[in-house]
Amino acid sequence: MYGSEIKSIRAGQVSLVEAYIRVDGNEAWLVNAHIAPYEAANRFNHDPIRDRRLLLHKREIRELWDSVRQKGVTVVPVKMYLKDGLAKLEIAIAKGKKLYDKRDEIAKRDLERERHNRD
């Protein structure tokens, strides 16, 4: 990470909404995370949506790789925080919803909305 990225992280200028972790063999990468440009860095600023390499042990990368090979499973960042001046990333293995689960959620939401509008 560049110094301007750390300063933006300290200022809370990070969005992990569309971010995910890509694992290719021996490396893990943070993809689509938006770290806003640092105002005072002017021409030395960083690219806000560049891929960032994660520092993980080989064993951790192997575990992630084994889980990602399953269909419908991905690794997502949950939280970014600073510890002893270093940027840390909390990650989780997530499984997507099935189509029928999504339909069920939409139906429940519609019922709640109708019930709320009647009151």
C-alpha atoms as a PDB file:
ATOM      1  CA  MET A   1       0.000   0.000   0.000  1.00  0.00           C
ATOM      2  CA  TYR A   2       1.056   3.534  -0.640  1.00  0.00           C
ATOM      3  CA  GLY A   3       1.272   6.183   2.075  1.00  0.00           C
ATOM      4  CA  SER A   4      -1.630   8.095   0.566  1.00  0.00           C
ATOM      5  CA  GLU A   5      -3.773   4.936   0.864  1.00  0.00           C
ATOM      6  CA  ILE A   6      -2.991   4.542   4.573  1.00  0.00           C
ATOM      7  CA  LYS A   7      -3.838   8.200   5.199  1.00  0.00           C
ATOM      8  CA  SER A   8      -7.178   7.761   3.424  1.00  0.00           C
ATOM      9  CA  ILE A   9      -7.869   4.607   5.467  1.00  0.00           C
ATOM     10  CA  ARG A  10      -7.119   6.542   8.669  1.00  0.00           C
ATOM     11  CA  ALA A  11      -9.610   9.171   7.533  1.00  0.00           C
ATOM     12  CA  GLY A  12     -12.240   6.452   6.985  1.00  0.00           C
ATOM     13  CA  GLN A  13     -12.360   6.962   3.205  1.00  0.00           C
ATOM     14  CA  VAL A  14     -12.765   3.252   2.365  1.00  0.00           C
ATOM     15  CA  SER A  15     -15.641   1.444   0.651  1.00  0.00           C
ATOM     16  CA  LEU A  16     -15.723  -2.361   0.598  1.00  0.00           C
ATOM     17  CA  VAL A  17     -19.263  -2.591  -0.813  1.00  0.00           C
ATOM     18  CA  GLU A  18     -18.418  -4.193  -4.169  1.00  0.00           C
ATOM     19  CA  ALA A  19     -15.063  -5.655  -3.116  1.00  0.00           C
ATOM     20  CA  TYR A  20     -14.085  -9.309  -3.142  1.00  0.00           C
ATOM     21  CA  ILE A  21     -10.959 -11.433  -2.740  1.00  0.00           C
ATOM     22  CA  ARG A  22      -9.495 -13.167  -5.804  1.00  0.00           C
ATOM     23  CA  VAL A  23      -7.239 -16.137  -5.112  1.00  0.00           C
ATOM     24  CA  ASP A  24      -4.910 -17.294  -7.883  1.00  0.00           C
ATOM     25  CA  GLY A  25      -2.719 -20.139  -6.789  1.00  0.00           C
ATOM     26  CA  ASN A  26      -0.095 -18.582  -4.511  1.00  0.00           C
ATOM     27  CA  GLU A  27      -1.494 -15.061  -4.076  1.00  0.00           C
ATOM     28  CA  ALA A  28      -4.636 -13.380  -2.786  1.00  0.00           C
ATOM     29  CA  TRP A  29      -5.795 -10.007  -4.145  1.00  0.00           C
ATOM     30  CA  LEU A  30      -8.311  -7.440  -2.894  1.00  0.00           C
ATOM     31  CA  VAL A  31     -10.338  -6.422  -5.956  1.00  0.00           C
ATOM     32  CA  ASN A  32     -12.776  -3.479  -6.415  1.00  0.00           C
ATOM     33  CA  ALA A  33     -12.134  -1.933  -2.996  1.00  0.00           C
ATOM     34  CA  HIS A  34     -12.379   1.858  -3.236  1.00  0.00           C
ATOM     35  CA  ILE A  35      -9.865   3.831  -1.184  1.00  0.00           C
ATOM     36  CA  ALA A  36     -10.456   7.510  -1.934  1.00  0.00           C
ATOM     37  CA  PRO A  37      -7.521   9.637  -3.100  1.00  0.00           C
ATOM     38  CA  TYR A  38      -5.841  11.579  -0.308  1.00  0.00           C
ATOM     39  CA  GLU A  39      -6.379  15.316  -0.875  1.00  0.00           C
ATOM     40  CA  ALA A  40      -2.911  16.461   0.235  1.00  0.00           C
ATOM     41  CA  ALA A  41      -1.013  13.875  -1.846  1.00  0.00           C
ATOM     42  CA  ASN A  42      -1.682  15.771  -5.121  1.00  0.00           C
ATOM     43  CA  ARG A  43       0.387  14.188  -7.934  1.00  0.00           C
ATOM     44  CA  PHE A  44       1.683  11.327  -5.756  1.00  0.00           C
ATOM     45  CA  ASN A  45      -1.821   9.962  -5.249  1.00  0.00           C
ATOM     46  CA  HIS A  46      -2.840   6.333  -5.808  1.00  0.00           C
ATOM     47  CA  ASP A  47      -5.386   4.725  -8.123  1.00  0.00           C
ATOM     48  CA  PRO A  48      -8.566   4.415  -5.980  1.00  0.00           C
ATOM     49  CA  ILE A  49      -9.725   1.032  -7.361  1.00  0.00           C
ATOM     50  CA  ARG A  50      -6.478  -0.830  -8.052  1.00  0.00           C
ATOM     51  CA  ASP A  51      -6.010  -4.488  -7.093  1.00  0.00           C
ATOM     52  CA  ARG A  52      -4.135  -4.817  -3.813  1.00  0.00           C
ATOM     53  CA  ARG A  53      -2.112  -7.895  -2.860  1.00  0.00           C
ATOM     54  CA  LEU A  54      -2.947  -9.378   0.545  1.00  0.00           C
ATOM     55  CA  LEU A  55      -0.187 -10.684   2.773  1.00  0.00           C
ATOM     56  CA  LEU A  56      -1.304 -14.129   3.927  1.00  0.00           C
ATOM     57  CA  HIS A  57       0.471 -17.318   4.926  1.00  0.00           C
ATOM     58  CA  LYS A  58       0.638 -20.084   2.309  1.00  0.00           C
ATOM     59  CA  ARG A  59      -1.615 -22.241   4.477  1.00  0.00           C
ATOM     60  CA  GLU A  60      -4.265 -19.492   4.624  1.00  0.00           C
ATOM     61  CA  ILE A  61      -4.148 -18.986   0.851  1.00  0.00           C
ATOM     62  CA  ARG A  62      -4.461 -22.757   0.315  1.00  0.00           C
ATOM     63  CA  GLU A  63      -7.528 -22.894   2.603  1.00  0.00           C
ATOM     64  CA  LEU A  64      -9.146 -19.990   0.736  1.00  0.00           C
ATOM     65  CA  TRP A  65      -8.335 -21.595  -2.620  1.00  0.00           C
ATOM     66  CA  ASP A  66      -9.903 -24.905  -1.541  1.00  0.00           C
ATOM     67  CA  SER A  67     -13.111 -23.193  -0.430  1.00  0.00           C
ATOM     68  CA  VAL A  68     -13.419 -20.916  -3.490  1.00  0.00           C
ATOM     69  CA  ARG A  69     -13.277 -23.837  -5.923  1.00  0.00           C
ATOM     70  CA  GLN A  70     -16.783 -24.851  -4.775  1.00  0.00           C
ATOM     71  CA  LYS A  71     -19.639 -23.450  -6.831  1.00  0.00           C
ATOM     72  CA  GLY A  72     -21.377 -20.380  -5.396  1.00  0.00           C
ATOM     73  CA  VAL A  73     -18.670 -19.663  -2.803  1.00  0.00           C
ATOM     74  CA  THR A  74     -16.590 -16.487  -2.683  1.00  0.00           C
ATOM     75  CA  VAL A  75     -14.309 -14.671  -0.270  1.00  0.00           C
ATOM     76  CA  VAL A  76     -15.434 -11.189   0.735  1.00  0.00           C
ATOM     77  CA  PRO A  77     -13.879  -8.475   2.894  1.00  0.00           C
ATOM     78  CA  VAL A  78     -15.953  -7.696   5.970  1.00  0.00           C
ATOM     79  CA  LYS A  79     -14.034  -4.934   7.710  1.00  0.00           C
ATOM     80  CA  MET A  80     -10.861  -2.890   7.301  1.00  0.00           C
ATOM     81  CA  TYR A  81      -9.132  -1.492  10.365  1.00  0.00           C
ATOM     82  CA  LEU A  82      -5.754  -0.205  11.523  1.00  0.00           C
ATOM     83  CA  LYS A  83      -3.619  -2.012  14.088  1.00  0.00           C
ATOM     84  CA  ASP A  84      -0.160  -0.770  15.079  1.00  0.00           C
ATOM     85  CA  GLY A  85      -0.056   1.434  11.977  1.00  0.00           C
ATOM     86  CA  LEU A  86      -0.838  -1.456   9.594  1.00  0.00           C
ATOM     87  CA  ALA A  87      -4.043  -1.820   7.596  1.00  0.00           C
ATOM     88  CA  LYS A  88      -5.756  -5.120   8.440  1.00  0.00           C
ATOM     89  CA  LEU A  89      -8.611  -6.735   6.549  1.00  0.00           C
ATOM     90  CA  GLU A  90     -11.172  -9.068   8.077  1.00  0.00           C
ATOM     91  CA  ILE A  91     -12.384 -11.546   5.455  1.00  0.00           C
ATOM     92  CA  ALA A  92     -15.136 -14.157   5.325  1.00  0.00           C
ATOM     93  CA  ILE A  93     -16.092 -17.050   3.093  1.00  0.00           C
ATOM     94  CA  ALA A  94     -19.611 -16.416   1.781  1.00  0.00           C
ATOM     95  CA  LYS A  95     -22.091 -18.553  -0.107  1.00  0.00           C
ATOM     96  CA  GLY A  96     -24.647 -16.953  -2.428  1.00  0.00           C
ATOM     97  CA  LYS A  97     -28.381 -17.352  -1.985  1.00  0.00           C
ATOM     98  CA  LYS A  98     -30.318 -19.790  -4.109  1.00  0.00           C
ATOM     99  CA  LEU A  99     -32.894 -18.354  -6.507  1.00  0.00           C
ATOM    100  CA  TYR A 100     -35.820 -19.678  -4.465  1.00  0.00           C
ATOM    101  CA  ASP A 101     -34.368 -18.070  -1.318  1.00  0.00           C
ATOM    102  CA  LYS A 102     -34.256 -14.719  -3.086  1.00  0.00           C
ATOM    103  CA  ARG A 103     -37.888 -15.031  -4.186  1.00  0.00           C
ATOM    104  CA  ASP A 104     -38.897 -15.917  -0.633  1.00  0.00           C
ATOM    105  CA  GLU A 105     -37.071 -12.851   0.740  1.00  0.00           C
ATOM    106  CA  ILE A 106     -38.765 -10.573  -1.808  1.00  0.00           C
ATOM    107  CA  ALA A 107     -42.195 -11.978  -0.932  1.00  0.00           C
ATOM    108  CA  LYS A 108     -41.590 -11.449   2.816  1.00  0.00           C
ATOM    109  CA  ARG A 109     -40.418  -7.888   2.185  1.00  0.00           C
ATOM    110  CA  ASP A 110     -43.524  -7.137   0.087  1.00  0.00           C
ATOM    111  CA  LEU A 111     -45.818  -8.526   2.807  1.00  0.00           C
ATOM    112  CA  GLU A 112     -44.086  -6.395   5.452  1.00  0.00           C
ATOM    113  CA  ARG A 113     -44.402  -3.301   3.262  1.00  0.00           C
ATOM    114  CA  GLU A 114     -48.136  -3.928   2.681  1.00  0.00           C
ATOM    115  CA  ARG A 115     -48.719  -4.554   6.387  1.00  0.00           C
ATOM    116  CA  HIS A 116     -46.829  -1.374   7.265  1.00  0.00           C
ATOM    117  CA  ASN A 117     -48.765   0.716   4.713  1.00  0.00           C
ATOM    118  CA  ARG A 118     -52.137  -0.458   6.098  1.00  0.00           C
ATOM    119  CA  ASP A 119     -51.288   0.753   9.615  1.00  0.00           C
END
